[in-house]
C-alpha atoms as a PDB file:
ATOM      1  CA  MET A   1     129.269  93.583  90.614  1.00  0.00           C
ATOM      2  CA  PRO A   2     126.943  95.393  88.114  1.00  0.00           C
ATOM      3  CA  ASN A   3     127.454  98.694  86.517  1.00  0.00           C
ATOM      4  CA  ILE A   4     124.104 100.410  87.057  1.00  0.00           C
ATOM      5  CA  LEU A   5     122.319 103.541  85.700  1.00  0.00           C
ATOM      6  CA  VAL A   6     119.469 104.715  87.860  1.00  0.00           C
ATOM      7  CA  LEU A   7     117.062 107.261  86.144  1.00  0.00           C
ATOM      8  CA  VAL A   8     115.136 109.177  88.792  1.00  0.00           C
ATOM      9  CA  ASN A   9     111.937 110.931  88.036  1.00  0.00           C
ATOM     10  CA  PRO A  10     111.860 113.743  90.591  1.00  0.00           C
ATOM     11  CA  ILE A  11     108.115 114.338  90.193  1.00  0.00           C
ATOM     12  CA  SER A  12     107.072 110.688  90.697  1.00  0.00           C
ATOM     13  CA  GLY A  13     104.731 110.032  93.697  1.00  0.00           C
ATOM     14  CA  ARG A  14     103.971 113.769  94.189  1.00  0.00           C
ATOM     15  CA  GLY A  15     107.723 114.577  94.651  1.00  0.00           C
ATOM     16  CA  ASN A  16     108.663 111.278  96.279  1.00  0.00           C
ATOM     17  CA  GLY A  17     111.155 110.695  93.417  1.00  0.00           C
ATOM     18  CA  ALA A  18     113.258 113.705  94.378  1.00  0.00           C
ATOM     19  CA  LYS A  19     113.265 112.736  98.023  1.00  0.00           C
ATOM     20  CA  SER A  20     114.388 109.257  97.220  1.00  0.00           C
ATOM     21  CA  PHE A  21     117.494 110.344  95.325  1.00  0.00           C
ATOM     22  CA  PRO A  22     119.947 110.557  98.287  1.00  0.00           C
ATOM     23  CA  ILE A  23     118.292 107.540  99.953  1.00  0.00           C
ATOM     24  CA  ILE A  24     119.007 105.394  96.896  1.00  0.00           C
ATOM     25  CA  GLU A  25     122.527 106.754  96.699  1.00  0.00           C
ATOM     26  CA  ASN A  26     123.249 105.948 100.343  1.00  0.00           C
ATOM     27  CA  TYR A  27     121.862 102.550  99.959  1.00  0.00           C
ATOM     28  CA  LEU A  28     124.010 101.748  96.913  1.00  0.00           C
ATOM     29  CA  LYS A  29     127.014 103.257  98.568  1.00  0.00           C
ATOM     30  CA  SER A  30     126.674 101.119 101.812  1.00  0.00           C
ATOM     31  CA  MET A  31     126.003  97.920  99.748  1.00  0.00           C
ATOM     32  CA  ALA A  32     129.124  98.577  97.753  1.00  0.00           C
ATOM     33  CA  GLY A  33     131.102  99.080 100.958  1.00  0.00           C
ATOM     34  CA  ALA A  34     129.713  96.008 102.530  1.00  0.00           C
ATOM     35  CA  SER A  35     130.418  93.786  99.667  1.00  0.00           C
ATOM     36  CA  GLY A  36     134.102  94.758  99.384  1.00  0.00           C
ATOM     37  CA  ARG A  37     133.782  94.707  95.696  1.00  0.00           C
ATOM     38  CA  THR A  38     133.564  97.418  93.106  1.00  0.00           C
ATOM     39  CA  LEU A  39     130.023  98.738  92.301  1.00  0.00           C
ATOM     40  CA  GLU A  40     129.735 101.292  89.663  1.00  0.00           C
ATOM     41  CA  TYR A  41     126.568 103.295  89.547  1.00  0.00           C
ATOM     42  CA  LYS A  42     125.216 106.578  88.319  1.00  0.00           C
ATOM     43  CA  LEU A  43     122.091 108.441  89.436  1.00  0.00           C
ATOM     44  CA  GLN A  44     120.520 110.897  87.022  1.00  0.00           C
ATOM     45  CA  PHE A  45     117.357 112.964  87.247  1.00  0.00           C
ATOM     46  CA  THR A  46     115.109 113.077  84.364  1.00  0.00           C
ATOM     47  CA  GLN A  47     113.916 116.577  83.437  1.00  0.00           C
ATOM     48  CA  ARG A  48     111.103 116.046  80.855  1.00  0.00           C
ATOM     49  CA  VAL A  49     108.622 113.580  79.590  1.00  0.00           C
ATOM     50  CA  GLY A  50     110.185 111.062  77.311  1.00  0.00           C
ATOM     51  CA  GLN A  51     113.845 111.651  78.391  1.00  0.00           C
ATOM     52  CA  ALA A  52     114.118 108.335  80.246  1.00  0.00           C
ATOM     53  CA  ILE A  53     113.290 106.520  76.881  1.00  0.00           C
ATOM     54  CA  GLU A  54     116.185 108.397  75.212  1.00  0.00           C
ATOM     55  CA  LEU A  55     118.589 107.832  78.103  1.00  0.00           C
ATOM     56  CA  ALA A  56     117.736 104.120  78.487  1.00  0.00           C
ATOM     57  CA  GLU A  57     118.129 103.529  74.725  1.00  0.00           C
ATOM     58  CA  ALA A  58     121.594 105.243  74.804  1.00  0.00           C
ATOM     59  CA  ALA A  59     122.615 103.301  77.867  1.00  0.00           C
ATOM     60  CA  ALA A  60     122.124 100.039  76.130  1.00  0.00           C
ATOM     61  CA  GLY A  61     125.135 100.785  73.962  1.00  0.00           C
ATOM     62  CA  GLU A  62     127.224 102.274  76.805  1.00  0.00           C
ATOM     63  CA  GLY A  63     128.126  99.110  78.727  1.00  0.00           C
ATOM     64  CA  TYR A  64     125.656  99.312  81.587  1.00  0.00           C
ATOM     65  CA  ASP A  65     124.570  96.051  83.124  1.00  0.00           C
ATOM     66  CA  VAL A  66     121.374  97.394  84.575  1.00  0.00           C
ATOM     67  CA  VAL A  67     119.215 100.459  83.708  1.00  0.00           C
ATOM     68  CA  ALA A  68     116.826 101.274  86.514  1.00  0.00           C
ATOM     69  CA  ALA A  69     113.701 103.319  86.685  1.00  0.00           C
ATOM     70  CA  ALA A  70     113.320 105.105  90.096  1.00  0.00           C
ATOM     71  CA  GLY A  71     109.800 106.424  89.812  1.00  0.00           C
ATOM     72  CA  GLY A  72     106.324 105.063  89.238  1.00  0.00           C
ATOM     73  CA  ASP A  73     104.698 103.022  86.432  1.00  0.00           C
ATOM     74  CA  GLY A  74     105.174 105.812  83.869  1.00  0.00           C
ATOM     75  CA  THR A  75     108.967 106.075  84.557  1.00  0.00           C
ATOM     76  CA  ALA A  76     109.231 102.299  84.301  1.00  0.00           C
ATOM     77  CA  ASN A  77     107.337 102.431  81.017  1.00  0.00           C
ATOM     78  CA  GLU A  78     109.788 104.911  79.539  1.00  0.00           C
ATOM     79  CA  VAL A  79     112.852 102.769  80.563  1.00  0.00           C
ATOM     80  CA  LEU A  80     111.197  99.703  79.085  1.00  0.00           C
ATOM     81  CA  ASN A  81     110.614 101.648  75.792  1.00  0.00           C
ATOM     82  CA  GLY A  82     114.124 102.816  75.529  1.00  0.00           C
ATOM     83  CA  LEU A  83     115.487  99.220  76.143  1.00  0.00           C
ATOM     84  CA  ALA A  84     112.968  97.672  73.828  1.00  0.00           C
ATOM     85  CA  ARG A  85     113.826 100.070  71.039  1.00  0.00           C
ATOM     86  CA  ALA A  86     117.500  99.280  71.535  1.00  0.00           C
ATOM     87  CA  CYS A  87     116.882  95.530  71.485  1.00  0.00           C
ATOM     88  CA  LEU A  88     114.853  95.627  68.372  1.00  0.00           C
ATOM     89  CA  SER A  89     117.104  98.111  66.430  1.00  0.00           C
ATOM     90  CA  GLY A  90     120.842  98.595  65.900  1.00  0.00           C
ATOM     91  CA  ASN A  91     121.782  96.882  69.185  1.00  0.00           C
ATOM     92  CA  ALA A  92     119.990  93.594  68.356  1.00  0.00           C
ATOM     93  CA  GLY A  93     122.192  90.637  69.081  1.00  0.00           C
ATOM     94  CA  LYS A  94     124.393  92.615  71.459  1.00  0.00           C
ATOM     95  CA  PRO A  95     124.392  92.088  75.267  1.00  0.00           C
ATOM     96  CA  MET A  96     121.507  94.138  76.671  1.00  0.00           C
ATOM     97  CA  PRO A  97     121.306  95.701  80.096  1.00  0.00           C
ATOM     98  CA  ALA A  98     118.664  94.310  82.343  1.00  0.00           C
ATOM     99  CA  MET A  99     115.851  96.602  83.467  1.00  0.00           C
ATOM    100  CA  GLY A 100     115.496  97.493  87.125  1.00  0.00           C
ATOM    101  CA  ILE A 101     112.638  99.243  89.061  1.00  0.00           C
ATOM    102  CA  LEU A 102     112.946 101.169  92.286  1.00  0.00           C
ATOM    103  CA  PRO A 103     109.216 101.723  93.101  1.00  0.00           C
ATOM    104  CA  VAL A 104     108.729 105.315  94.456  1.00  0.00           C
ATOM    105  CA  GLY A 105     105.652 106.324  92.438  1.00  0.00           C
ATOM    106  CA  ARG A 106     101.952 106.185  93.194  1.00  0.00           C
ATOM    107  CA  GLY A 107     100.719 102.788  91.803  1.00  0.00           C
ATOM    108  CA  ASN A 108     103.902 100.793  91.285  1.00  0.00           C
ATOM    109  CA  ASP A 109     101.919  98.027  89.546  1.00  0.00           C
ATOM    110  CA  PHE A 110     104.681  97.298  87.120  1.00  0.00           C
ATOM    111  CA  ALA A 111     107.019  96.506  90.019  1.00  0.00           C
ATOM    112  CA  PHE A 112     104.463  94.451  91.752  1.00  0.00           C
ATOM    113  CA  GLY A 113     104.040  92.178  88.712  1.00  0.00           C
ATOM    114  CA  ALA A 114     107.773  91.735  88.506  1.00  0.00           C
ATOM    115  CA  GLY A 115     108.038  90.683  92.175  1.00  0.00           C
ATOM    116  CA  ILE A 116     109.902  93.881  93.359  1.00  0.00           C
ATOM    117  CA  PRO A 117     108.798  94.928  96.775  1.00  0.00           C
ATOM    118  CA  HIS A 118     107.948  98.558  97.787  1.00  0.00           C
ATOM    119  CA  ASP A 119     110.725  98.564 100.335  1.00  0.00           C
ATOM    120  CA  LEU A 120     113.304 100.773  98.719  1.00  0.00           C
ATOM    121  CA  GLU A 121     116.276  99.150 100.500  1.00  0.00           C
ATOM    122  CA  VAL A 122     115.260  95.731  99.373  1.00  0.00           C
ATOM    123  CA  ALA A 123     114.634  96.951  95.909  1.00  0.00           C
ATOM    124  CA  CYS A 124     118.141  98.514  95.747  1.00  0.00           C
ATOM    125  CA  ARG A 125     119.583  95.221  96.982  1.00  0.00           C
ATOM    126  CA  ILE A 126     117.813  93.425  94.088  1.00  0.00           C
ATOM    127  CA  LEU A 127     119.515  95.791  91.672  1.00  0.00           C
ATOM    128  CA  VAL A 128     122.874  94.774  93.030  1.00  0.00           C
ATOM    129  CA  GLU A 129     122.414  91.149  94.044  1.00  0.00           C
ATOM    130  CA  GLY A 130     119.229  89.975  92.233  1.00  0.00           C
ATOM    131  CA  LYS A 131     118.687  87.740  89.390  1.00  0.00           C
ATOM    132  CA  ARG A 132     117.909  88.550  85.653  1.00  0.00           C
ATOM    133  CA  HIS A 133     114.440  87.203  84.729  1.00  0.00           C
ATOM    134  CA  PRO A 134     113.147  87.293  81.170  1.00  0.00           C
ATOM    135  CA  ILE A 135     109.917  89.238  80.661  1.00  0.00           C
ATOM    136  CA  ASP A 136     107.507  89.577  77.822  1.00  0.00           C
ATOM    137  CA  VAL A 137     106.989  93.048  76.267  1.00  0.00           C
ATOM    138  CA  GLY A 138     103.691  94.248  74.842  1.00  0.00           C
ATOM    139  CA  HIS A 139     103.309  96.517  71.846  1.00  0.00           C
ATOM    140  CA  ALA A 140     100.188  98.777  71.362  1.00  0.00           C
ATOM    141  CA  VAL A 141      99.450 100.497  68.109  1.00  0.00           C
ATOM    142  CA  GLY A 142      96.701 103.083  67.657  1.00  0.00           C
ATOM    143  CA  GLY A 143      95.284 106.164  69.248  1.00  0.00           C
ATOM    144  CA  ASP A 144      97.967 108.780  69.839  1.00  0.00           C
ATOM    145  CA  TYR A 145     100.697 106.208  68.850  1.00  0.00           C
ATOM    146  CA  PRO A 146     100.247 105.111  65.271  1.00  0.00           C
ATOM    147  CA  ARG A 147     103.837 103.775  65.360  1.00  0.00           C
ATOM    148  CA  GLY A 148     103.176 102.041  68.692  1.00  0.00           C
ATOM    149  CA  ARG A 149     104.270 102.128  72.345  1.00  0.00           C
ATOM    150  CA  TYR A 150     105.738  99.214  74.317  1.00  0.00           C
ATOM    151  CA  PHE A 151     104.437  98.173  77.686  1.00  0.00           C
ATOM    152  CA  GLY A 152     105.298  95.839  80.502  1.00  0.00           C
ATOM    153  CA  ASN A 153     102.342  95.703  82.875  1.00  0.00           C
ATOM    154  CA  GLY A 154      99.244  96.142  80.885  1.00  0.00           C
ATOM    155  CA  VAL A 155      96.814  98.159  78.681  1.00  0.00           C
ATOM    156  CA  GLY A 156      93.512  99.368  80.224  1.00  0.00           C
ATOM    157  CA  ILE A 157      90.518 100.440  78.067  1.00  0.00           C
ATOM    158  CA  GLY A 158      87.504 102.180  79.456  1.00  0.00           C
ATOM    159  CA  PHE A 159      86.709 102.525  83.073  1.00  0.00           C
ATOM    160  CA  ASP A 160      90.039 102.009  84.637  1.00  0.00           C
ATOM    161  CA  THR A 161      91.527 104.563  82.130  1.00  0.00           C
ATOM    162  CA  VAL A 162      89.067 107.194  83.393  1.00  0.00           C
ATOM    163  CA  VAL A 163      89.918 106.233  86.967  1.00  0.00           C
ATOM    164  CA  GLY A 164      93.538 107.042  86.181  1.00  0.00           C
ATOM    165  CA  PHE A 165      92.599 110.441  84.770  1.00  0.00           C
ATOM    166  CA  GLU A 166      90.580 111.208  87.838  1.00  0.00           C
ATOM    167  CA  ALA A 167      93.214 110.023  90.234  1.00  0.00           C
ATOM    168  CA  LEU A 168      95.670 112.613  88.789  1.00  0.00           C
ATOM    169  CA  LYS A 169      93.268 115.509  89.701  1.00  0.00           C
ATOM    170  CA  LEU A 170      93.252 114.542  93.379  1.00  0.00           C
ATOM    171  CA  LYS A 171      95.912 116.824  94.803  1.00  0.00           C
ATOM    172  CA  ARG A 172      95.608 115.762  98.539  1.00  0.00           C
ATOM    173  CA  LEU A 173      95.703 112.079  97.951  1.00  0.00           C
ATOM    174  CA  SER A 174      98.293 109.723  96.459  1.00  0.00           C
ATOM    175  CA  GLY A 175      98.881 106.045  96.118  1.00  0.00           C
ATOM    176  CA  PHE A 176      96.079 103.458  96.285  1.00  0.00           C
ATOM    177  CA  PRO A 177      93.707 105.791  98.220  1.00  0.00           C
ATOM    178  CA  SER A 178      93.658 108.164  95.293  1.00  0.00           C
ATOM    179  CA  TYR A 179      92.608 105.394  93.041  1.00  0.00           C
ATOM    180  CA  ILE A 180      89.801 104.271  95.336  1.00  0.00           C
ATOM    181  CA  VAL A 181      88.324 107.743  95.448  1.00  0.00           C
ATOM    182  CA  ALA A 182      88.792 108.114  91.675  1.00  0.00           C
ATOM    183  CA  ALA A 183      86.983 104.828  91.068  1.00  0.00           C
ATOM    184  CA  LEU A 184      83.980 105.959  93.157  1.00  0.00           C
ATOM    185  CA  LYS A 185      83.860 109.243  91.118  1.00  0.00           C
ATOM    186  CA  THR A 186      84.193 107.346  87.814  1.00  0.00           C
ATOM    187  CA  ILE A 187      81.020 105.262  88.537  1.00  0.00           C
ATOM    188  CA  PHE A 188      79.107 108.511  87.842  1.00  0.00           C
ATOM    189  CA  LEU A 189      81.297 109.814  84.978  1.00  0.00           C
ATOM    190  CA  TYR A 190      81.830 106.812  82.857  1.00  0.00           C
ATOM    191  CA  PHE A 191      78.672 104.546  82.662  1.00  0.00           C
ATOM    192  CA  ASN A 192      77.702 104.202  79.059  1.00  0.00           C
ATOM    193  CA  ALA A 193      79.650 101.017  77.941  1.00  0.00           C
ATOM    194  CA  PRO A 194      80.772 101.421  74.303  1.00  0.00           C
ATOM    195  CA  LEU A 195      80.043  98.599  71.841  1.00  0.00           C
ATOM    196  CA  LEU A 196      83.388  96.870  71.174  1.00  0.00           C
ATOM    197  CA  GLN A 197      84.629  94.224  68.771  1.00  0.00           C
ATOM    198  CA  ILE A 198      87.472  92.319  70.430  1.00  0.00           C
ATOM    199  CA  GLU A 199      89.414  89.921  68.202  1.00  0.00           C
ATOM    200  CA  THR A 200      92.068  87.590  69.712  1.00  0.00           C
ATOM    201  CA  LEU A 201      94.538  84.907  68.720  1.00  0.00           C
ATOM    202  CA  ASP A 202      95.274  82.598  71.612  1.00  0.00           C
ATOM    203  CA  PRO A 203      98.884  81.329  72.128  1.00  0.00           C
ATOM    204  CA  GLN A 204      98.083  78.348  69.810  1.00  0.00           C
ATOM    205  CA  GLY A 205      96.928  80.667  67.130  1.00  0.00           C
ATOM    206  CA  ASN A 206      93.199  80.031  67.348  1.00  0.00           C
ATOM    207  CA  PRO A 207      91.016  83.078  66.616  1.00  0.00           C
ATOM    208  CA  ARG A 208      88.117  84.297  68.589  1.00  0.00           C
ATOM    209  CA  THR A 209      85.863  87.330  68.101  1.00  0.00           C
ATOM    210  CA  LEU A 210      83.761  88.874  70.846  1.00  0.00           C
ATOM    211  CA  THR A 211      81.343  91.673  70.137  1.00  0.00           C
ATOM    212  CA  GLN A 212      79.568  93.329  73.146  1.00  0.00           C
ATOM    213  CA  PRO A 213      79.231  96.447  75.196  1.00  0.00           C
ATOM    214  CA  CYS A 214      82.309  96.674  77.486  1.00  0.00           C
ATOM    215  CA  LEU A 215      82.651  98.926  80.484  1.00  0.00           C
ATOM    216  CA  MET A 216      86.270  97.907  80.815  1.00  0.00           C
ATOM    217  CA  VAL A 217      88.878  95.738  78.993  1.00  0.00           C
ATOM    218  CA  SER A 218      92.265  95.068  80.773  1.00  0.00           C
ATOM    219  CA  ILE A 219      94.878  93.510  78.610  1.00  0.00           C
ATOM    220  CA  MET A 220      97.526  92.272  81.101  1.00  0.00           C
ATOM    221  CA  ASN A 221     101.076  91.150  81.060  1.00  0.00           C
ATOM    222  CA  GLY A 222     101.364  91.693  84.795  1.00  0.00           C
ATOM    223  CA  ARG A 223      98.733  91.328  87.422  1.00  0.00           C
ATOM    224  CA  ARG A 224      97.626  94.653  88.964  1.00  0.00           C
ATOM    225  CA  MET A 225      96.519  98.214  87.961  1.00  0.00           C
ATOM    226  CA  GLY A 226      95.613 101.245  89.934  1.00  0.00           C
ATOM    227  CA  GLY A 227      97.821 100.403  92.903  1.00  0.00           C
ATOM    228  CA  GLY A 228      95.684  97.520  94.175  1.00  0.00           C
ATOM    229  CA  PHE A 229      93.131  96.257  91.588  1.00  0.00           C
ATOM    230  CA  MET A 230      93.916  92.641  90.666  1.00  0.00           C
ATOM    231  CA  MET A 231      92.950  92.601  86.929  1.00  0.00           C
ATOM    232  CA  ALA A 232      94.809  89.335  86.256  1.00  0.00           C
ATOM    233  CA  PRO A 233      95.250  87.555  89.566  1.00  0.00           C
ATOM    234  CA  GLU A 234      97.073  84.643  87.749  1.00  0.00           C
ATOM    235  CA  GLY A 235      99.021  86.856  85.327  1.00  0.00           C
ATOM    236  CA  LYS A 236     102.701  86.150  84.654  1.00  0.00           C
ATOM    237  CA  MET A 237     105.073  88.382  82.821  1.00  0.00           C
ATOM    238  CA  ASN A 238     106.978  85.516  81.115  1.00  0.00           C
ATOM    239  CA  ASP A 239     104.353  83.180  79.928  1.00  0.00           C
ATOM    240  CA  GLY A 240     104.002  84.315  76.361  1.00  0.00           C
ATOM    241  CA  ALA A 241     100.325  85.514  76.582  1.00  0.00           C
ATOM    242  CA  PHE A 242      98.144  88.377  77.658  1.00  0.00           C
ATOM    243  CA  ASP A 243      95.552  87.826  80.276  1.00  0.00           C
ATOM    244  CA  LEU A 244      92.302  89.683  79.374  1.00  0.00           C
ATOM    245  CA  CYS A 245      89.740  90.741  81.939  1.00  0.00           C
ATOM    246  CA  ILE A 246      86.563  92.008  80.231  1.00  0.00           C
ATOM    247  CA  ALA A 247      83.681  93.668  82.139  1.00  0.00           C
ATOM    248  CA  GLY A 248      80.491  93.930  80.243  1.00  0.00           C
ATOM    249  CA  LYS A 249      77.638  96.526  80.661  1.00  0.00           C
ATOM    250  CA  ILE A 250      76.532  96.602  84.309  1.00  0.00           C
ATOM    251  CA  SER A 251      74.573  98.871  86.640  1.00  0.00           C
ATOM    252  CA  ARG A 252      76.202 101.469  88.952  1.00  0.00           C
ATOM    253  CA  PRO A 253      75.443  99.437  92.089  1.00  0.00           C
ATOM    254  CA  ALA A 254      77.052  96.373  90.411  1.00  0.00           C
ATOM    255  CA  VAL A 255      80.221  98.408  89.685  1.00  0.00           C
ATOM    256  CA  LEU A 256      80.264  99.339  93.267  1.00  0.00           C
ATOM    257  CA  GLY A 257      79.962  95.710  94.378  1.00  0.00           C
ATOM    258  CA  LEU A 258      82.732  94.685  91.984  1.00  0.00           C
ATOM    259  CA  ILE A 259      85.478  97.133  93.271  1.00  0.00           C
ATOM    260  CA  PRO A 260      86.194  95.026  96.482  1.00  0.00           C
ATOM    261  CA  ARG A 261      86.271  91.887  94.370  1.00  0.00           C
ATOM    262  CA  PHE A 262      88.915  93.425  92.028  1.00  0.00           C
ATOM    263  CA  MET A 263      90.798  94.392  95.064  1.00  0.00           C
ATOM    264  CA  LYS A 264      90.842  90.765  96.200  1.00  0.00           C
ATOM    265  CA  GLY A 265      91.192  89.380  92.659  1.00  0.00           C
ATOM    266  CA  SER A 266      88.013  87.371  93.183  1.00  0.00           C
ATOM    267  CA  GLN A 267      85.967  88.785  90.271  1.00  0.00           C
ATOM    268  CA  ALA A 268      86.076  85.431  88.334  1.00  0.00           C
ATOM    269  CA  GLY A 269      82.592  83.931  88.290  1.00  0.00           C
ATOM    270  CA  HIS A 270      80.715  87.245  88.231  1.00  0.00           C
ATOM    271  CA  PRO A 271      78.345  87.036  85.166  1.00  0.00           C
ATOM    272  CA  ALA A 272      79.574  90.292  83.801  1.00  0.00           C
ATOM    273  CA  ILE A 273      83.246  89.206  83.849  1.00  0.00           C
ATOM    274  CA  LYS A 274      85.105  87.287  81.176  1.00  0.00           C
ATOM    275  CA  PHE A 275      88.682  86.053  81.177  1.00  0.00           C
ATOM    276  CA  LEU A 276      90.627  85.287  77.977  1.00  0.00           C
ATOM    277  CA  ARG A 277      94.296  84.488  77.163  1.00  0.00           C
ATOM    278  CA  ALA A 278      95.742  85.717  73.880  1.00  0.00           C
ATOM    279  CA  ALA A 279      99.039  86.459  72.154  1.00  0.00           C
ATOM    280  CA  LYS A 280      97.458  89.182  69.924  1.00  0.00           C
ATOM    281  CA  VAL A 281      94.452  91.325  70.475  1.00  0.00           C
ATOM    282  CA  SER A 282      92.510  93.899  68.346  1.00  0.00           C
ATOM    283  CA  VAL A 283      89.952  96.137  70.018  1.00  0.00           C
ATOM    284  CA  LYS A 284      87.643  98.268  67.794  1.00  0.00           C
ATOM    285  CA  ALA A 285      84.928 100.687  68.869  1.00  0.00           C
ATOM    286  CA  LEU A 286      81.714 100.048  66.861  1.00  0.00           C
ATOM    287  CA  GLU A 287      79.815 102.560  69.026  1.00  0.00           C
ATOM    288  CA  GLY A 288      81.389 105.071  71.342  1.00  0.00           C
ATOM    289  CA  SER A 289      85.272 105.373  71.754  1.00  0.00           C
ATOM    290  CA  LEU A 290      88.313 103.933  73.533  1.00  0.00           C
ATOM    291  CA  PRO A 291      89.871 105.834  76.332  1.00  0.00           C
ATOM    292  CA  ALA A 292      93.089 103.755  76.915  1.00  0.00           C
ATOM    293  CA  HIS A 293      96.418 103.700  78.713  1.00  0.00           C
ATOM    294  CA  ALA A 294      99.541 101.638  78.699  1.00  0.00           C
ATOM    295  CA  ASP A 295     101.248 101.232  82.037  1.00  0.00           C
ATOM    296  CA  GLY A 296      99.359 104.293  83.197  1.00  0.00           C
ATOM    297  CA  GLU A 297     100.545 106.469  80.229  1.00  0.00           C
ATOM    298  CA  THR A 298      97.689 107.723  78.108  1.00  0.00           C
ATOM    299  CA  LEU A 299      97.411 105.897  74.736  1.00  0.00           C
ATOM    300  CA  CYS A 300      94.181 107.909  73.741  1.00  0.00           C
ATOM    301  CA  LYS A 301      91.279 109.703  75.282  1.00  0.00           C
ATOM    302  CA  ALA A 302      88.838 108.776  72.513  1.00  0.00           C
ATOM    303  CA  GLY A 303      90.448 106.327  70.083  1.00  0.00           C
ATOM    304  CA  ALA A 304      88.769 104.082  67.567  1.00  0.00           C
ATOM    305  CA  GLN A 305      91.049 101.026  67.371  1.00  0.00           C
ATOM    306  CA  LEU A 306      94.011  99.472  69.148  1.00  0.00           C
ATOM    307  CA  GLU A 307      96.216  96.572  67.978  1.00  0.00           C
ATOM    308  CA  LEU A 308      98.263  94.682  70.595  1.00  0.00           C
ATOM    309  CA  SER A 309     100.975  92.157  70.111  1.00  0.00           C
ATOM    310  CA  LEU A 310     103.506  90.538  72.412  1.00  0.00           C
ATOM    311  CA  HIS A 311     107.314  89.996  72.158  1.00  0.00           C
ATOM    312  CA  PRO A 312     107.867  86.959  74.393  1.00  0.00           C
ATOM    313  CA  GLY A 313     111.114  87.213  76.475  1.00  0.00           C
ATOM    314  CA  LEU A 314     112.264  90.256  74.807  1.00  0.00           C
ATOM    315  CA  LEU A 315     114.004  91.862  77.813  1.00  0.00           C
ATOM    316  CA  GLU A 316     115.304  90.782  81.213  1.00  0.00           C
ATOM    317  CA  ILE A 317     114.451  92.417  84.531  1.00  0.00           C
ATOM    318  CA  MET A 318     116.252  92.396  87.905  1.00  0.00           C
ATOM    319  CA  GLY A 319     114.026  90.426  90.348  1.00  0.00           C
ATOM    320  CA  PRO A 320     114.455  88.515  93.563  1.00  0.00           C
ATOM    321  CA  ALA A 321     117.106  85.836  93.368  1.00  0.00           C
END
């Protein structure tokens, strides 16, 4: 059975991470007992921003079979960054631990894209008995990260980034309801679509340039953002390409009408929506600026340009058998 390190973010999900610690421990203990085989595991709280990156990178050289993030999308992003750094640096060519996710945060979109259910007992069983699946890993350069940051689910530019900022301000709501309320607020806060130049290379290496006002650009490796908005309904984490969903300049009532379509993943066909597939993406603000996030973590509040590339099959993740 695997040797597992679980990094628990105590403040994920408005404190749900801390509450989940003994529950996770009990599940793993009972699963070890039921199997009759040895299961080695360690649970550790993270104490500051960025620590899970360091711990995951170190764990790659310490013989762990799985390094799991118990938290939300931000915690998963940190573990992904640590493992990606290890894979692309001195540990390249050595056996790498698989990534695991125990979704106890607010949005849990990364876990959704990887097929990991919100049920904590089932997610723990996947850590112990699941299967390793290859996943592509994105890399975003620009904004507050001139040397880049890795991501697993997606990068959002514009409207959905501001929605994330507003959701964090809502103290009495969490999960998907907080994003719904934040989206309604953002309709009135973020309306002037910046003029963007989007350059892409498709998986076959064919270039394309799109220049237009864009209220939102979602560059997806997964499928969902904001706990329930299906930015890339057909997205797959192992197909060697980003799925782009681009929303042009539209009226406030049109934004309001699009929200339920994004919840259903039925926005295709709307005249303001474009879908593209790409292996590389460059987004430049010709007028205005780029508020952007990667897996819910802020890349910049007012950036000028972002460059995104993909590492196909760089890591493995524990998913359903």
